[in-house]
N, C-alpha and C. Protein backbone atom coordinates (compact mmCIF):
# COMPACT_ATOMS: atom_id res chain seq x y z
N MET A 1 -5.65 -110.00 -121.00
CA MET A 1 -5.89 -108.66 -121.52
C MET A 1 -4.76 -107.76 -121.07
N ASN A 2 -4.31 -106.95 -121.95
CA ASN A 2 -3.23 -106.02 -121.67
C ASN A 2 -3.69 -105.01 -120.60
N THR A 3 -2.80 -104.68 -119.69
CA THR A 3 -3.13 -103.76 -118.60
C THR A 3 -3.52 -102.38 -119.14
N TRP A 4 -2.77 -101.89 -120.11
CA TRP A 4 -3.07 -100.58 -120.67
C TRP A 4 -4.43 -100.56 -121.35
N LEU A 5 -4.76 -101.65 -122.03
CA LEU A 5 -6.06 -101.74 -122.70
C LEU A 5 -7.18 -101.74 -121.66
N LYS A 6 -6.97 -102.50 -120.60
CA LYS A 6 -7.98 -102.56 -119.54
C LYS A 6 -8.19 -101.19 -118.92
N TYR A 7 -7.11 -100.48 -118.59
CA TYR A 7 -7.24 -99.13 -118.01
C TYR A 7 -7.85 -98.16 -119.00
N GLY A 8 -7.51 -98.31 -120.27
CA GLY A 8 -8.10 -97.46 -121.31
C GLY A 8 -9.60 -97.67 -121.43
N LEU A 9 -10.04 -98.93 -121.34
CA LEU A 9 -11.48 -99.21 -121.39
C LEU A 9 -12.19 -98.61 -120.17
N PHE A 10 -11.60 -98.74 -119.00
CA PHE A 10 -12.19 -98.14 -117.80
C PHE A 10 -12.27 -96.62 -117.92
N PHE A 11 -11.22 -96.02 -118.45
CA PHE A 11 -11.22 -94.57 -118.65
C PHE A 11 -12.31 -94.16 -119.62
N GLY A 12 -12.41 -94.87 -120.72
CA GLY A 12 -13.44 -94.58 -121.72
C GLY A 12 -14.84 -94.74 -121.14
N LEU A 13 -15.05 -95.79 -120.35
CA LEU A 13 -16.34 -96.00 -119.71
C LEU A 13 -16.64 -94.85 -118.75
N GLY A 14 -15.64 -94.38 -118.04
CA GLY A 14 -15.82 -93.25 -117.13
C GLY A 14 -16.20 -91.98 -117.87
N VAL A 15 -15.59 -91.76 -119.03
CA VAL A 15 -15.91 -90.59 -119.85
C VAL A 15 -17.36 -90.67 -120.32
N VAL A 16 -17.78 -91.84 -120.77
CA VAL A 16 -19.15 -92.01 -121.26
C VAL A 16 -20.16 -91.80 -120.13
N VAL A 17 -19.91 -92.40 -118.97
CA VAL A 17 -20.82 -92.24 -117.83
C VAL A 17 -20.85 -90.80 -117.36
N GLY A 18 -19.70 -90.14 -117.33
CA GLY A 18 -19.65 -88.74 -116.94
C GLY A 18 -20.41 -87.85 -117.90
N ALA A 19 -20.27 -88.10 -119.19
CA ALA A 19 -21.00 -87.31 -120.19
C ALA A 19 -22.50 -87.54 -120.06
N ALA A 20 -22.90 -88.78 -119.81
CA ALA A 20 -24.32 -89.07 -119.64
C ALA A 20 -24.87 -88.38 -118.40
N ALA A 21 -24.10 -88.39 -117.31
CA ALA A 21 -24.53 -87.72 -116.08
C ALA A 21 -24.64 -86.21 -116.28
N ALA A 22 -23.69 -85.63 -116.99
CA ALA A 22 -23.72 -84.19 -117.25
C ALA A 22 -24.93 -83.82 -118.10
N THR A 23 -25.23 -84.64 -119.09
CA THR A 23 -26.39 -84.39 -119.94
C THR A 23 -27.68 -84.50 -119.13
N PHE A 24 -27.77 -85.53 -118.29
CA PHE A 24 -28.94 -85.71 -117.45
C PHE A 24 -29.11 -84.52 -116.51
N ALA A 25 -28.02 -84.07 -115.90
CA ALA A 25 -28.08 -82.94 -114.98
C ALA A 25 -28.49 -81.66 -115.69
N ALA A 26 -28.04 -81.47 -116.91
CA ALA A 26 -28.39 -80.27 -117.66
C ALA A 26 -29.86 -80.26 -118.06
N ARG A 27 -30.41 -81.43 -118.29
CA ARG A 27 -31.81 -81.51 -118.72
C ARG A 27 -32.79 -81.57 -117.55
N ASN A 28 -32.34 -81.92 -116.36
CA ASN A 28 -33.22 -82.09 -115.21
C ASN A 28 -32.67 -81.36 -113.98
N PRO A 29 -32.50 -80.05 -114.03
CA PRO A 29 -31.88 -79.35 -112.90
C PRO A 29 -32.72 -79.40 -111.62
N GLU A 30 -34.05 -79.39 -111.74
CA GLU A 30 -34.90 -79.43 -110.54
C GLU A 30 -34.78 -80.77 -109.84
N LEU A 31 -34.70 -81.84 -110.61
CA LEU A 31 -34.57 -83.16 -110.03
C LEU A 31 -33.22 -83.29 -109.29
N ILE A 32 -32.18 -82.77 -109.90
CA ILE A 32 -30.85 -82.81 -109.28
C ILE A 32 -30.85 -81.96 -108.02
N ARG A 33 -31.44 -80.78 -108.07
CA ARG A 33 -31.50 -79.89 -106.91
C ARG A 33 -32.25 -80.55 -105.75
N LYS A 34 -33.38 -81.20 -106.08
CA LYS A 34 -34.17 -81.88 -105.05
C LYS A 34 -33.37 -83.03 -104.42
N GLY A 35 -32.68 -83.79 -105.26
CA GLY A 35 -31.89 -84.91 -104.75
C GLY A 35 -30.74 -84.45 -103.88
N VAL A 36 -30.06 -83.41 -104.31
CA VAL A 36 -28.94 -82.88 -103.53
C VAL A 36 -29.43 -82.29 -102.22
N SER A 37 -30.56 -81.59 -102.27
CA SER A 37 -31.14 -81.01 -101.06
C SER A 37 -31.50 -82.10 -100.06
N THR A 38 -32.10 -83.17 -100.54
CA THR A 38 -32.46 -84.29 -99.66
C THR A 38 -31.21 -84.93 -99.06
N ALA A 39 -30.20 -85.13 -99.89
CA ALA A 39 -28.96 -85.75 -99.41
C ALA A 39 -28.28 -84.89 -98.35
N VAL A 40 -28.23 -83.58 -98.58
CA VAL A 40 -27.60 -82.68 -97.61
C VAL A 40 -28.40 -82.67 -96.31
N GLY A 41 -29.73 -82.65 -96.41
CA GLY A 41 -30.57 -82.66 -95.21
C GLY A 41 -30.37 -83.92 -94.39
N LYS A 42 -30.31 -85.07 -95.06
CA LYS A 42 -30.10 -86.34 -94.34
C LYS A 42 -28.70 -86.40 -93.73
N THR A 43 -27.73 -85.82 -94.42
CA THR A 43 -26.37 -85.78 -93.88
C THR A 43 -26.31 -84.93 -92.61
N ILE A 44 -27.01 -83.81 -92.62
CA ILE A 44 -27.05 -82.96 -91.43
C ILE A 44 -27.74 -83.68 -90.28
N ASP A 45 -28.84 -84.39 -90.56
CA ASP A 45 -29.52 -85.16 -89.52
C ASP A 45 -28.60 -86.24 -88.94
N LEU A 46 -27.86 -86.92 -89.81
CA LEU A 46 -26.93 -87.95 -89.36
C LEU A 46 -25.84 -87.35 -88.49
N LYS A 47 -25.34 -86.18 -88.89
CA LYS A 47 -24.31 -85.50 -88.10
C LYS A 47 -24.84 -85.14 -86.72
N ASN A 48 -26.07 -84.65 -86.66
CA ASN A 48 -26.65 -84.28 -85.37
C ASN A 48 -26.85 -85.49 -84.48
N ARG A 49 -27.30 -86.62 -85.06
CA ARG A 49 -27.49 -87.83 -84.26
C ARG A 49 -26.14 -88.35 -83.76
N ALA A 50 -25.14 -88.36 -84.62
CA ALA A 50 -23.82 -88.83 -84.22
C ALA A 50 -23.24 -87.92 -83.13
N GLN A 51 -23.43 -86.63 -83.28
CA GLN A 51 -22.95 -85.68 -82.27
C GLN A 51 -23.61 -85.94 -80.93
N SER A 52 -24.90 -86.24 -80.93
CA SER A 52 -25.63 -86.54 -79.70
C SER A 52 -25.09 -87.81 -79.05
N VAL A 53 -24.85 -88.84 -79.86
CA VAL A 53 -24.34 -90.10 -79.32
C VAL A 53 -22.95 -89.90 -78.72
N PHE A 54 -22.09 -89.18 -79.41
CA PHE A 54 -20.73 -88.97 -78.89
C PHE A 54 -20.73 -88.07 -77.67
N GLU A 55 -21.63 -87.12 -77.60
CA GLU A 55 -21.73 -86.26 -76.42
C GLU A 55 -22.16 -87.08 -75.21
N THR A 56 -23.12 -87.97 -75.41
CA THR A 56 -23.56 -88.84 -74.31
C THR A 56 -22.42 -89.76 -73.86
N ALA A 57 -21.69 -90.32 -74.81
CA ALA A 57 -20.57 -91.19 -74.47
C ALA A 57 -19.50 -90.41 -73.71
N LYS A 58 -19.25 -89.17 -74.13
CA LYS A 58 -18.25 -88.34 -73.46
C LYS A 58 -18.67 -88.06 -72.01
N GLU A 59 -19.95 -87.72 -71.81
CA GLU A 59 -20.44 -87.47 -70.46
C GLU A 59 -20.33 -88.71 -69.59
N ASN A 60 -20.68 -89.87 -70.15
CA ASN A 60 -20.58 -91.11 -69.38
C ASN A 60 -19.13 -91.41 -69.00
N PHE A 61 -18.21 -91.19 -69.93
CA PHE A 61 -16.81 -91.43 -69.65
C PHE A 61 -16.29 -90.46 -68.58
N GLU A 62 -16.71 -89.20 -68.68
CA GLU A 62 -16.28 -88.22 -67.66
C GLU A 62 -16.81 -88.60 -66.28
N ASP A 63 -18.06 -89.07 -66.21
CA ASP A 63 -18.63 -89.52 -64.94
C ASP A 63 -17.84 -90.72 -64.39
N LEU A 64 -17.52 -91.64 -65.26
CA LEU A 64 -16.77 -92.82 -64.84
C LEU A 64 -15.38 -92.43 -64.34
N ALA A 65 -14.73 -91.50 -65.04
CA ALA A 65 -13.40 -91.06 -64.63
C ALA A 65 -13.47 -90.33 -63.29
N ALA A 66 -14.52 -89.51 -63.09
CA ALA A 66 -14.67 -88.81 -61.81
C ALA A 66 -14.90 -89.79 -60.67
N GLU A 67 -15.72 -90.81 -60.91
CA GLU A 67 -15.94 -91.83 -59.88
C GLU A 67 -14.65 -92.57 -59.57
N ALA A 68 -13.87 -92.88 -60.59
CA ALA A 68 -12.61 -93.59 -60.37
C ALA A 68 -11.65 -92.73 -59.57
N ARG A 69 -11.58 -91.41 -59.89
CA ARG A 69 -10.71 -90.52 -59.11
C ARG A 69 -11.19 -90.43 -57.66
N GLY A 70 -12.50 -90.36 -57.46
CA GLY A 70 -13.04 -90.27 -56.12
C GLY A 70 -12.76 -91.52 -55.31
N SER A 71 -12.94 -92.68 -55.90
CA SER A 71 -12.68 -93.92 -55.17
C SER A 71 -11.19 -94.09 -54.91
N ARG A 72 -10.35 -93.60 -55.82
CA ARG A 72 -8.90 -93.70 -55.60
C ARG A 72 -8.48 -92.80 -54.44
N SER A 73 -9.05 -91.60 -54.35
CA SER A 73 -8.69 -90.70 -53.26
C SER A 73 -9.23 -91.22 -51.93
N GLU A 74 -10.39 -91.89 -51.94
CA GLU A 74 -10.92 -92.48 -50.71
C GLU A 74 -10.01 -93.63 -50.24
N ASP A 75 -9.53 -94.43 -51.20
CA ASP A 75 -8.65 -95.54 -50.86
C ASP A 75 -7.34 -95.03 -50.28
N SER A 76 -6.79 -93.96 -50.84
CA SER A 76 -5.53 -93.45 -50.32
C SER A 76 -5.75 -92.80 -48.95
N GLY A 77 -6.93 -92.24 -48.68
CA GLY A 77 -7.23 -91.66 -47.37
C GLY A 77 -7.35 -92.72 -46.31
N ARG A 78 -7.85 -93.88 -46.64
CA ARG A 78 -7.99 -94.99 -45.68
C ARG A 78 -6.64 -95.59 -45.31
N GLN A 79 -5.71 -95.59 -46.27
CA GLN A 79 -4.41 -96.20 -46.03
C GLN A 79 -3.53 -95.31 -45.17
N ALA A 80 -3.77 -94.04 -45.13
CA ALA A 80 -2.90 -93.12 -44.40
C ALA A 80 -3.13 -93.11 -42.92
């Protein structure tokens, strides 16, 4: 199959799917609003959970780094 023909078919399929989606959205605005609202809410929940996980990891790393600095300073004090 010719490359241009293949890309043309994909473009045409995209136009048809886009037109169908636009028609569906125009006829069902409440359904679209509900779906978008749910998606945004779940995205915010995911962001909050990820933020919590990364904050915990950051605190653990800071504790580990502080312990390493403390043990290094104790070791240098013993050698002197």
